N, C-alpha and C. Protein backbone atom coordinates (compact mmCIF):
# COMPACT_ATOMS: atom_id res chain seq x y z
N UNK A 1 -71.64 -62.19 -13.23
CA UNK A 1 -71.68 -62.86 -14.49
C UNK A 1 -70.49 -63.09 -15.11
N UNK A 2 -70.20 -64.01 -15.65
CA UNK A 2 -68.81 -64.46 -16.16
C UNK A 2 -68.95 -64.63 -17.59
N UNK A 3 -67.79 -64.12 -18.35
CA UNK A 3 -67.84 -64.20 -19.64
C UNK A 3 -66.41 -64.73 -20.14
N UNK A 4 -66.76 -65.90 -20.95
CA UNK A 4 -65.24 -66.62 -21.46
C UNK A 4 -65.06 -66.50 -22.81
N UNK A 5 -64.15 -65.98 -23.41
CA UNK A 5 -63.85 -66.16 -24.84
C UNK A 5 -62.92 -67.03 -25.16
N UNK A 6 -63.30 -67.93 -26.01
CA UNK A 6 -62.47 -68.98 -26.69
C UNK A 6 -62.03 -68.74 -27.95
N UNK A 7 -60.89 -68.68 -28.32
CA UNK A 7 -60.26 -68.60 -29.76
C UNK A 7 -59.51 -69.80 -29.89
N UNK A 8 -60.07 -70.51 -31.04
CA UNK A 8 -59.16 -71.81 -31.39
C UNK A 8 -58.81 -71.83 -32.81
N UNK A 9 -57.54 -71.86 -33.52
CA UNK A 9 -57.24 -71.84 -34.70
C UNK A 9 -57.90 -72.91 -35.46
N UNK A 10 -58.38 -73.03 -36.84
CA UNK A 10 -59.04 -74.01 -37.48
C UNK A 10 -58.18 -73.91 -38.63
N UNK A 11 -57.62 -75.11 -39.20
CA UNK A 11 -56.78 -75.38 -40.27
C UNK A 11 -57.55 -76.39 -41.16
N UNK A 12 -57.88 -76.22 -42.39
CA UNK A 12 -58.67 -76.92 -43.47
C UNK A 12 -57.48 -77.33 -44.50
N UNK A 13 -57.30 -78.51 -44.79
CA UNK A 13 -56.38 -78.92 -45.77
C UNK A 13 -57.13 -79.70 -46.71
N UNK A 14 -56.48 -79.54 -48.26
CA UNK A 14 -57.17 -80.16 -49.07
C UNK A 14 -55.69 -80.86 -49.77
N UNK A 15 -55.66 -82.22 -50.08
CA UNK A 15 -54.24 -82.69 -50.60
C UNK A 15 -54.81 -83.32 -52.09
N UNK A 16 -54.12 -82.78 -53.09
CA UNK A 16 -54.27 -83.35 -54.60
C UNK A 16 -53.13 -84.23 -54.76
N UNK A 17 -53.27 -85.30 -55.19
CA UNK A 17 -52.12 -86.02 -55.57
C UNK A 17 -52.47 -86.58 -56.98
N UNK A 18 -51.08 -86.37 -57.60
CA UNK A 18 -51.30 -87.00 -59.14
C UNK A 18 -49.96 -87.32 -59.50
N UNK A 19 -49.94 -88.65 -59.92
CA UNK A 19 -48.35 -89.09 -60.37
C UNK A 19 -47.54 -88.95 -59.09
N UNK A 20 -46.51 -88.31 -59.19
CA UNK A 20 -45.44 -88.19 -57.98
C UNK A 20 -45.76 -86.88 -57.47
N UNK A 21 -46.34 -85.86 -57.84
CA UNK A 21 -46.79 -84.49 -57.29
C UNK A 21 -47.87 -84.52 -56.19
N UNK A 22 -47.56 -83.81 -55.33
CA UNK A 22 -48.74 -83.37 -54.21
C UNK A 22 -48.69 -82.35 -54.06
N UNK A 23 -50.06 -81.45 -53.99
CA UNK A 23 -50.39 -80.28 -53.95
C UNK A 23 -51.17 -80.34 -52.63
N UNK A 24 -50.68 -79.40 -51.60
CA UNK A 24 -51.38 -79.23 -50.49
C UNK A 24 -52.05 -77.61 -50.32
N UNK A 25 -53.20 -77.52 -50.33
CA UNK A 25 -53.77 -76.17 -50.03
C UNK A 25 -54.45 -75.98 -48.72
N UNK A 26 -53.89 -74.74 -48.22
CA UNK A 26 -54.44 -74.64 -46.57
C UNK A 26 -55.25 -73.71 -46.58
N UNK A 27 -56.06 -73.73 -45.82
CA UNK A 27 -56.78 -72.38 -45.50
C UNK A 27 -56.98 -72.33 -43.73
N UNK A 28 -56.76 -71.25 -43.31
CA UNK A 28 -56.57 -70.90 -41.91
C UNK A 28 -57.81 -69.95 -41.40
N UNK A 29 -58.43 -70.26 -40.43
CA UNK A 29 -59.23 -69.36 -39.80
C UNK A 29 -59.51 -69.58 -38.19
N UNK A 30 -59.88 -68.36 -37.64
CA UNK A 30 -59.85 -68.64 -36.24
C UNK A 30 -61.22 -68.47 -35.94
N UNK A 31 -61.61 -69.49 -35.08
CA UNK A 31 -63.04 -69.37 -34.62
C UNK A 31 -63.18 -69.06 -33.09
N UNK A 32 -64.18 -68.12 -32.94
CA UNK A 32 -64.34 -67.51 -31.35
C UNK A 32 -65.72 -67.48 -31.15
N UNK A 33 -65.42 -68.14 -29.87
CA UNK A 33 -66.85 -68.46 -29.10
C UNK A 33 -66.86 -67.86 -27.95
N UNK A 34 -67.84 -67.05 -27.58
CA UNK A 34 -68.19 -66.14 -26.41
C UNK A 34 -69.12 -67.05 -25.49
N UNK A 35 -68.87 -67.37 -24.24
CA UNK A 35 -69.83 -67.95 -23.43
C UNK A 35 -69.91 -67.05 -22.44
N UNK A 36 -71.41 -66.66 -22.16
CA UNK A 36 -71.67 -65.68 -21.01
C UNK A 36 -72.81 -66.65 -20.08
N UNK A 37 -72.31 -66.91 -18.65
CA UNK A 37 -73.30 -67.45 -17.70
C UNK A 37 -73.19 -66.65 -16.51
N UNK A 38 -74.65 -66.56 -15.74
CA UNK A 38 -74.58 -66.01 -14.67
C UNK A 38 -73.99 -66.95 -13.54
N UNK A 39 -73.19 -66.35 -12.69
CA UNK A 39 -72.57 -67.18 -11.57
C UNK A 39 -73.39 -67.43 -10.53
N UNK A 40 -72.97 -68.41 -9.48
CA UNK A 40 -74.04 -68.84 -8.35
C UNK A 40 -74.37 -67.81 -7.50
N UNK A 41 -75.63 -68.03 -6.94
CA UNK A 41 -76.11 -66.86 -5.98
C UNK A 41 -75.73 -67.15 -4.73
N UNK A 42 -75.69 -66.10 -3.84
CA UNK A 42 -75.03 -66.22 -2.47
C UNK A 42 -76.39 -66.89 -1.64
N UNK A 43 -75.89 -67.32 -0.49
CA UNK A 43 -76.63 -68.20 0.51
C UNK A 43 -77.78 -67.00 0.88
N UNK A 44 -78.93 -67.65 1.18
CA UNK A 44 -80.20 -67.12 1.59
C UNK A 44 -80.03 -66.48 2.89
N UNK A 45 -80.22 -65.28 3.45
CA UNK A 45 -80.06 -64.71 4.49
C UNK A 45 -81.09 -65.24 5.51
N UNK A 46 -81.01 -65.20 6.93
CA UNK A 46 -81.77 -65.90 7.88
C UNK A 46 -82.95 -65.03 7.98
N UNK A 47 -84.16 -65.93 8.00
CA UNK A 47 -85.43 -65.49 8.30
C UNK A 47 -85.81 -65.66 9.97
N UNK A 48 -86.54 -64.75 10.27
CA UNK A 48 -87.29 -64.89 11.67
C UNK A 48 -86.24 -64.45 12.55
N UNK A 49 -85.93 -65.29 13.73
CA UNK A 49 -85.07 -65.26 14.79
C UNK A 49 -83.64 -64.95 14.37
N UNK A 50 -83.14 -64.12 14.81
CA UNK A 50 -81.51 -63.80 14.61
C UNK A 50 -81.50 -62.58 13.16
N UNK A 51 -82.54 -62.52 12.63
CA UNK A 51 -82.31 -61.41 11.74
C UNK A 51 -82.26 -60.02 12.14
N UNK A 52 -81.69 -58.97 11.07
CA UNK A 52 -81.74 -57.68 11.77
C UNK A 52 -82.93 -57.18 11.19
N UNK A 53 -83.50 -56.22 12.06
CA UNK A 53 -85.10 -55.63 11.56
C UNK A 53 -84.54 -54.12 12.19
N UNK A 54 -84.94 -53.10 11.24
CA UNK A 54 -84.44 -51.90 11.41
C UNK A 54 -85.83 -50.94 11.31
N UNK A 55 -86.36 -50.29 12.52
CA UNK A 55 -87.38 -49.73 12.40
C UNK A 55 -87.08 -48.25 11.89
N UNK A 56 -87.39 -47.91 10.62
CA UNK A 56 -87.23 -46.80 10.02
C UNK A 56 -88.41 -45.70 10.06
N UNK A 57 -89.66 -46.06 10.46
CA UNK A 57 -90.64 -45.43 10.46
C UNK A 57 -90.52 -43.89 10.66
N UNK A 58 -89.83 -43.59 11.54
CA UNK A 58 -89.43 -42.17 11.94
C UNK A 58 -88.16 -41.69 11.45
N UNK A 59 -87.62 -42.01 10.02
CA UNK A 59 -86.35 -41.52 9.88
C UNK A 59 -86.50 -40.03 9.22
N UNK A 60 -85.19 -39.59 9.61
CA UNK A 60 -85.16 -38.10 9.33
C UNK A 60 -83.84 -37.86 8.32
N UNK A 61 -83.74 -36.88 7.57
CA UNK A 61 -82.43 -36.58 7.07
C UNK A 61 -81.24 -36.75 7.79
N UNK A 62 -80.33 -37.54 7.40
CA UNK A 62 -79.20 -37.70 7.88
C UNK A 62 -79.21 -38.62 9.24
N UNK A 63 -80.08 -39.26 9.74
CA UNK A 63 -80.44 -40.49 10.43
C UNK A 63 -79.26 -41.31 10.65
N UNK A 64 -78.85 -41.89 11.90
CA UNK A 64 -78.07 -42.85 12.07
C UNK A 64 -78.48 -43.99 12.70
N UNK A 65 -78.26 -45.25 12.28
CA UNK A 65 -78.86 -46.55 12.65
C UNK A 65 -78.26 -46.84 14.25
N UNK A 66 -79.01 -46.79 15.15
CA UNK A 66 -78.39 -47.49 16.20
C UNK A 66 -79.43 -48.57 16.83
N UNK A 67 -78.75 -49.11 18.04
CA UNK A 67 -79.56 -50.32 18.45
C UNK A 67 -80.02 -49.83 19.95
N UNK A 68 -81.54 -49.99 20.10
CA UNK A 68 -82.09 -49.74 21.36
C UNK A 68 -82.40 -50.95 22.07
N UNK A 69 -81.59 -51.35 23.20
CA UNK A 69 -81.88 -52.52 23.84
C UNK A 69 -83.15 -52.55 24.61
N UNK A 70 -83.83 -51.57 25.01
CA UNK A 70 -85.12 -51.53 25.61
C UNK A 70 -86.09 -52.04 24.70
N UNK A 71 -85.96 -51.72 23.45
CA UNK A 71 -86.84 -52.11 22.46
C UNK A 71 -86.54 -53.47 21.66
N UNK A 72 -85.36 -53.65 21.95
CA UNK A 72 -84.60 -54.99 21.21
C UNK A 72 -84.74 -54.82 19.69
N UNK A 73 -84.82 -53.58 19.16
CA UNK A 73 -84.26 -53.46 17.56
C UNK A 73 -83.51 -52.42 17.47
N UNK A 74 -83.11 -52.42 16.05
CA UNK A 74 -82.34 -51.17 15.51
C UNK A 74 -83.19 -50.20 15.17
N UNK A 75 -82.77 -48.67 15.05
CA UNK A 75 -83.71 -47.87 14.91
C UNK A 75 -82.95 -46.81 14.08
N UNK A 76 -83.76 -45.98 13.09
CA UNK A 76 -83.18 -44.91 12.68
C UNK A 76 -84.21 -43.94 12.67
N UNK A 77 -84.06 -42.77 13.55
CA UNK A 77 -84.81 -41.67 13.71
C UNK A 77 -84.12 -40.50 13.90
N UNK A 78 -84.81 -39.45 14.55
CA UNK A 78 -84.09 -38.30 15.03
C UNK A 78 -83.62 -38.07 16.06
N UNK A 79 -83.54 -39.07 16.97
CA UNK A 79 -82.92 -39.43 18.26
C UNK A 79 -81.30 -39.11 17.79
N UNK A 80 -80.86 -39.81 17.05
CA UNK A 80 -79.29 -40.05 16.64
C UNK A 80 -79.36 -39.48 15.34
N UNK A 81 -78.89 -38.30 14.99
CA UNK A 81 -78.42 -37.90 13.54
C UNK A 81 -76.88 -37.52 13.47
N UNK A 82 -76.43 -37.31 12.20
CA UNK A 82 -75.10 -36.69 12.23
C UNK A 82 -75.02 -35.57 12.92
N UNK A 83 -75.77 -34.78 12.86
CA UNK A 83 -75.66 -33.33 13.75
C UNK A 83 -75.81 -33.48 15.06
N UNK A 84 -76.52 -34.52 15.70
CA UNK A 84 -76.88 -34.81 17.21
C UNK A 84 -75.15 -35.28 17.62
N UNK A 85 -74.84 -36.19 16.89
CA UNK A 85 -73.63 -36.72 17.08
C UNK A 85 -72.30 -35.82 17.19
N UNK A 86 -72.34 -34.71 16.37
CA UNK A 86 -71.21 -33.77 16.39
C UNK A 86 -71.52 -32.55 17.42
N UNK A 87 -72.73 -32.09 17.38
CA UNK A 87 -72.93 -30.82 18.18
C UNK A 87 -72.57 -30.83 19.56
N UNK A 88 -72.71 -31.84 20.49
CA UNK A 88 -72.16 -31.94 21.86
C UNK A 88 -70.89 -32.60 21.98
N UNK A 89 -70.05 -32.99 21.10
CA UNK A 89 -68.98 -33.60 21.17
C UNK A 89 -67.59 -32.88 21.18
N UNK A 90 -67.84 -31.82 21.24
CA UNK A 90 -66.58 -30.85 21.16
C UNK A 90 -65.84 -31.03 19.92
N UNK A 91 -66.18 -31.12 18.92
CA UNK A 91 -65.67 -31.21 17.85
C UNK A 91 -65.04 -29.83 17.15
């Protein structure tokens, strides 16, 4: 969301003329206008072919998302978690 604040001085004058004398009365105020508008939305993501689908039906605590080529899908399950990645890695 964008917010724009515009401040513009406004001067009002009243001139009173009588014979050879001129009296000018000035009042000065500042007008402030705030404009709030929602910005443009991003482009719509692809639907169908080419979009990423994650099978999270068997997710567990600390699952890591990985790609399974034989299933041609991304998965999050107990096969790879933050624990299984570090336990056998000699860390």
